[in-house]
Amino acid sequence: MPNNLRLPDSVLEDPDAEEILRVWITGDAQRFALNPDAWEDPASWGLLLVDLARHAAQAIATKHGTNPEVVLARIKDGFDVEWSNPTGP
């Protein structure tokens, strides 16, 4: 696929690395592939989502020269809206 992201060097160097999630945008929908057996405790997925939000906020802030805390608050706004009123199943 021409739009694949580059794998981090640390993943390429770790023979025990496991992929647990992929996300694509197709038209107006998101598509997911995930490993539901990655952790025994579903709370671990919550930790992953928060870590993901923080990484996204930092990357967006760095790219656009903005404050990562402001970006993270905006991401949380979107999370709260989607949590209360899901746009899909």
N, C-alpha and C. Protein backbone atom coordinates (compact mmCIF):
# COMPACT_ATOMS: atom_id res chain seq x y z
N MET A 1 0.85 -1.18 0.00
CA MET A 1 0.00 0.00 0.00
C MET A 1 0.89 1.24 0.00
N PRO A 2 0.61 2.19 -0.86
CA PRO A 2 1.49 3.35 -1.00
C PRO A 2 1.48 4.28 0.21
N ASN A 3 0.45 4.25 1.04
CA ASN A 3 0.37 5.18 2.17
C ASN A 3 0.71 4.53 3.51
N ASN A 4 1.40 3.40 3.50
CA ASN A 4 1.80 2.77 4.75
C ASN A 4 2.77 3.65 5.51
N LEU A 5 2.65 3.65 6.82
CA LEU A 5 3.59 4.38 7.67
C LEU A 5 4.84 3.54 7.87
N ARG A 6 5.93 4.21 8.11
CA ARG A 6 7.21 3.52 8.35
C ARG A 6 7.20 2.94 9.75
N LEU A 7 7.68 1.70 9.88
CA LEU A 7 7.79 1.09 11.19
C LEU A 7 8.94 1.72 11.97
N PRO A 8 8.75 1.95 13.26
CA PRO A 8 9.85 2.48 14.08
C PRO A 8 11.02 1.49 14.11
N ASP A 9 12.23 2.02 14.18
CA ASP A 9 13.42 1.16 14.22
C ASP A 9 13.35 0.18 15.39
N SER A 10 12.84 0.63 16.54
CA SER A 10 12.78 -0.24 17.71
C SER A 10 11.89 -1.46 17.46
N VAL A 11 10.88 -1.31 16.62
CA VAL A 11 10.02 -2.45 16.27
C VAL A 11 10.78 -3.40 15.36
N LEU A 12 11.48 -2.85 14.38
CA LEU A 12 12.23 -3.68 13.45
C LEU A 12 13.35 -4.44 14.14
N GLU A 13 13.88 -3.86 15.21
CA GLU A 13 15.00 -4.48 15.93
C GLU A 13 14.56 -5.49 16.99
N ASP A 14 13.28 -5.53 17.31
CA ASP A 14 12.79 -6.41 18.38
C ASP A 14 12.10 -7.63 17.78
N PRO A 15 12.71 -8.80 17.87
CA PRO A 15 12.10 -9.99 17.28
C PRO A 15 10.81 -10.42 18.01
N ASP A 16 10.59 -9.89 19.20
CA ASP A 16 9.39 -10.24 19.96
C ASP A 16 8.27 -9.20 19.82
N ALA A 17 8.47 -8.18 18.98
CA ALA A 17 7.45 -7.14 18.80
C ALA A 17 6.18 -7.78 18.23
N GLU A 18 5.04 -7.32 18.72
CA GLU A 18 3.75 -7.81 18.24
C GLU A 18 2.90 -6.63 17.80
N GLU A 19 2.32 -6.74 16.64
CA GLU A 19 1.38 -5.73 16.17
C GLU A 19 0.02 -6.01 16.81
N ILE A 20 -0.60 -4.96 17.38
CA ILE A 20 -1.89 -5.18 18.04
C ILE A 20 -3.01 -4.35 17.43
N LEU A 21 -2.67 -3.36 16.59
CA LEU A 21 -3.72 -2.49 16.06
C LEU A 21 -3.27 -1.83 14.76
N ARG A 22 -4.18 -1.81 13.79
CA ARG A 22 -4.02 -1.01 12.56
C ARG A 22 -5.32 -0.26 12.33
N VAL A 23 -5.21 0.95 11.79
CA VAL A 23 -6.40 1.76 11.52
C VAL A 23 -6.22 2.40 10.14
N TRP A 24 -7.27 2.36 9.35
CA TRP A 24 -7.27 2.99 8.02
C TRP A 24 -8.47 3.91 7.90
N ILE A 25 -8.35 4.90 7.06
CA ILE A 25 -9.49 5.73 6.65
C ILE A 25 -9.83 5.32 5.23
N THR A 26 -11.07 4.90 5.01
CA THR A 26 -11.53 4.52 3.68
C THR A 26 -12.78 5.33 3.38
N GLY A 27 -12.64 6.29 2.48
CA GLY A 27 -13.78 7.17 2.20
C GLY A 27 -14.14 7.94 3.45
N ASP A 28 -15.34 7.73 3.96
CA ASP A 28 -15.77 8.46 5.15
C ASP A 28 -15.83 7.56 6.38
N ALA A 29 -15.16 6.39 6.32
CA ALA A 29 -15.22 5.44 7.43
C ALA A 29 -13.82 5.08 7.91
N GLN A 30 -13.75 4.61 9.12
CA GLN A 30 -12.52 4.07 9.67
C GLN A 30 -12.63 2.55 9.67
N ARG A 31 -11.53 1.89 9.38
CA ARG A 31 -11.48 0.44 9.39
C ARG A 31 -10.37 0.01 10.33
N PHE A 32 -10.63 -1.04 11.10
CA PHE A 32 -9.69 -1.48 12.12
C PHE A 32 -9.35 -2.95 11.96
N ALA A 33 -8.13 -3.28 12.29
CA ALA A 33 -7.69 -4.66 12.49
C ALA A 33 -6.98 -4.66 13.83
N LEU A 34 -7.45 -5.52 14.74
CA LEU A 34 -6.82 -5.53 16.05
C LEU A 34 -6.74 -6.92 16.62
N ASN A 35 -5.84 -7.08 17.56
CA ASN A 35 -5.64 -8.35 18.25
C ASN A 35 -6.35 -8.26 19.60
N PRO A 36 -7.54 -8.84 19.72
CA PRO A 36 -8.28 -8.74 20.98
C PRO A 36 -7.65 -9.53 22.12
N ASP A 37 -6.67 -10.37 21.80
CA ASP A 37 -5.99 -11.17 22.82
C ASP A 37 -4.68 -10.53 23.29
N ALA A 38 -4.44 -9.29 22.92
CA ALA A 38 -3.17 -8.64 23.27
C ALA A 38 -2.98 -8.57 24.79
N TRP A 39 -4.05 -8.34 25.52
CA TRP A 39 -3.98 -8.24 26.98
C TRP A 39 -5.16 -8.98 27.59
N GLU A 40 -4.95 -9.50 28.79
CA GLU A 40 -6.05 -10.15 29.51
C GLU A 40 -7.04 -9.12 30.05
N ASP A 41 -6.53 -8.00 30.54
CA ASP A 41 -7.37 -6.97 31.16
C ASP A 41 -7.74 -5.90 30.13
N PRO A 42 -9.03 -5.74 29.82
CA PRO A 42 -9.44 -4.73 28.84
C PRO A 42 -9.03 -3.30 29.22
N ALA A 43 -8.74 -3.05 30.49
CA ALA A 43 -8.28 -1.72 30.89
C ALA A 43 -7.00 -1.33 30.17
N SER A 44 -6.22 -2.33 29.75
CA SER A 44 -4.99 -2.05 29.01
C SER A 44 -5.27 -1.32 27.71
N TRP A 45 -6.43 -1.61 27.10
CA TRP A 45 -6.80 -0.89 25.88
C TRP A 45 -7.05 0.59 26.19
N GLY A 46 -7.61 0.87 27.37
CA GLY A 46 -7.79 2.26 27.78
C GLY A 46 -6.46 2.98 27.91
N LEU A 47 -5.48 2.30 28.50
CA LEU A 47 -4.14 2.90 28.62
C LEU A 47 -3.56 3.17 27.23
N LEU A 48 -3.74 2.21 26.32
CA LEU A 48 -3.24 2.39 24.96
C LEU A 48 -3.89 3.61 24.30
N LEU A 49 -5.20 3.76 24.47
CA LEU A 49 -5.90 4.88 23.83
C LEU A 49 -5.43 6.22 24.36
N VAL A 50 -5.17 6.30 25.66
CA VAL A 50 -4.66 7.55 26.23
C VAL A 50 -3.24 7.81 25.74
N ASP A 51 -2.40 6.77 25.71
CA ASP A 51 -1.04 6.94 25.18
C ASP A 51 -1.09 7.39 23.72
N LEU A 52 -1.98 6.79 22.94
CA LEU A 52 -2.13 7.17 21.54
C LEU A 52 -2.54 8.63 21.41
N ALA A 53 -3.49 9.06 22.22
CA ALA A 53 -3.94 10.46 22.17
C ALA A 53 -2.79 11.41 22.49
N ARG A 54 -1.98 11.05 23.48
CA ARG A 54 -0.85 11.91 23.85
C ARG A 54 0.19 11.97 22.74
N HIS A 55 0.47 10.82 22.12
CA HIS A 55 1.43 10.81 21.00
C HIS A 55 0.90 11.62 19.83
N ALA A 56 -0.39 11.46 19.53
CA ALA A 56 -0.99 12.22 18.43
C ALA A 56 -0.94 13.72 18.73
N ALA A 57 -1.26 14.11 19.95
CA ALA A 57 -1.24 15.53 20.32
C ALA A 57 0.16 16.10 20.17
N GLN A 58 1.17 15.35 20.61
CA GLN A 58 2.55 15.83 20.50
C GLN A 58 2.97 15.96 19.04
N ALA A 59 2.62 14.98 18.22
CA ALA A 59 2.99 15.02 16.80
C ALA A 59 2.30 16.18 16.09
N ILE A 60 1.01 16.36 16.36
CA ILE A 60 0.26 17.46 15.74
C ILE A 60 0.81 18.80 16.18
N ALA A 61 1.06 18.95 17.48
CA ALA A 61 1.58 20.21 18.01
C ALA A 61 2.95 20.52 17.43
N THR A 62 3.79 19.51 17.31
CA THR A 62 5.13 19.71 16.74
C THR A 62 5.03 20.15 15.29
N LYS A 63 4.18 19.48 14.53
CA LYS A 63 4.03 19.80 13.11
C LYS A 63 3.49 21.20 12.89
N HIS A 64 2.55 21.63 13.74
CA HIS A 64 1.87 22.90 13.52
C HIS A 64 2.33 24.01 14.48
N GLY A 65 3.32 23.74 15.32
CA GLY A 65 3.84 24.75 16.21
C GLY A 65 2.83 25.22 17.24
N THR A 66 2.02 24.30 17.75
CA THR A 66 1.02 24.65 18.74
C THR A 66 1.32 23.96 20.07
N ASN A 67 0.51 24.23 21.06
CA ASN A 67 0.68 23.68 22.39
C ASN A 67 0.08 22.27 22.44
N PRO A 68 0.88 21.25 22.83
CA PRO A 68 0.36 19.89 22.85
C PRO A 68 -0.79 19.70 23.83
N GLU A 69 -0.82 20.45 24.92
CA GLU A 69 -1.92 20.33 25.88
C GLU A 69 -3.24 20.84 25.28
N VAL A 70 -3.16 21.87 24.47
CA VAL A 70 -4.36 22.38 23.80
C VAL A 70 -4.86 21.36 22.79
N VAL A 71 -3.93 20.78 22.05
CA VAL A 71 -4.30 19.76 21.07
C VAL A 71 -4.89 18.54 21.78
N LEU A 72 -4.28 18.11 22.88
CA LEU A 72 -4.78 16.97 23.63
C LEU A 72 -6.19 17.24 24.17
N ALA A 73 -6.45 18.45 24.64
CA ALA A 73 -7.79 18.79 25.11
C ALA A 73 -8.80 18.69 23.98
N ARG A 74 -8.40 19.10 22.79
CA ARG A 74 -9.30 19.02 21.63
C ARG A 74 -9.56 17.57 21.25
N ILE A 75 -8.53 16.73 21.32
CA ILE A 75 -8.70 15.30 21.06
C ILE A 75 -9.69 14.72 22.07
N LYS A 76 -9.54 15.10 23.34
CA LYS A 76 -10.46 14.60 24.37
C LYS A 76 -11.88 15.08 24.11
N ASP A 77 -12.03 16.31 23.60
CA ASP A 77 -13.37 16.79 23.23
C ASP A 77 -14.00 15.84 22.21
N GLY A 78 -13.23 15.45 21.21
CA GLY A 78 -13.74 14.52 20.20
C GLY A 78 -14.07 13.17 20.80
N PHE A 79 -13.23 12.70 21.71
CA PHE A 79 -13.47 11.43 22.38
C PHE A 79 -14.79 11.48 23.15
N ASP A 80 -15.00 12.57 23.89
CA ASP A 80 -16.21 12.71 24.69
C ASP A 80 -17.47 12.77 23.82
N VAL A 81 -17.38 13.47 22.68
CA VAL A 81 -18.53 13.55 21.77
C VAL A 81 -18.84 12.17 21.21
N GLU A 82 -17.81 11.46 20.76
CA GLU A 82 -18.02 10.13 20.18
C GLU A 82 -18.52 9.15 21.23
N TRP A 83 -18.02 9.28 22.46
CA TRP A 83 -18.45 8.39 23.54
C TRP A 83 -19.94 8.57 23.82
N SER A 84 -20.40 9.83 23.82
CA SER A 84 -21.81 10.13 24.12
C SER A 84 -22.74 9.88 22.94
N ASN A 85 -22.26 10.10 21.74
CA ASN A 85 -23.08 9.98 20.53
C ASN A 85 -22.29 9.27 19.43
N PRO A 86 -22.18 7.96 19.50
CA PRO A 86 -21.37 7.23 18.51
C PRO A 86 -21.83 7.48 17.08
N THR A 87 -20.83 7.66 16.20
CA THR A 87 -21.12 7.88 14.78
C THR A 87 -21.26 6.57 14.03
N GLY A 88 -20.95 5.47 14.71
CA GLY A 88 -21.06 4.16 14.08
C GLY A 88 -21.11 3.07 15.13
N PRO A 89 -21.30 1.83 14.68
CA PRO A 89 -21.39 0.72 15.63
C PRO A 89 -20.04 0.41 16.29
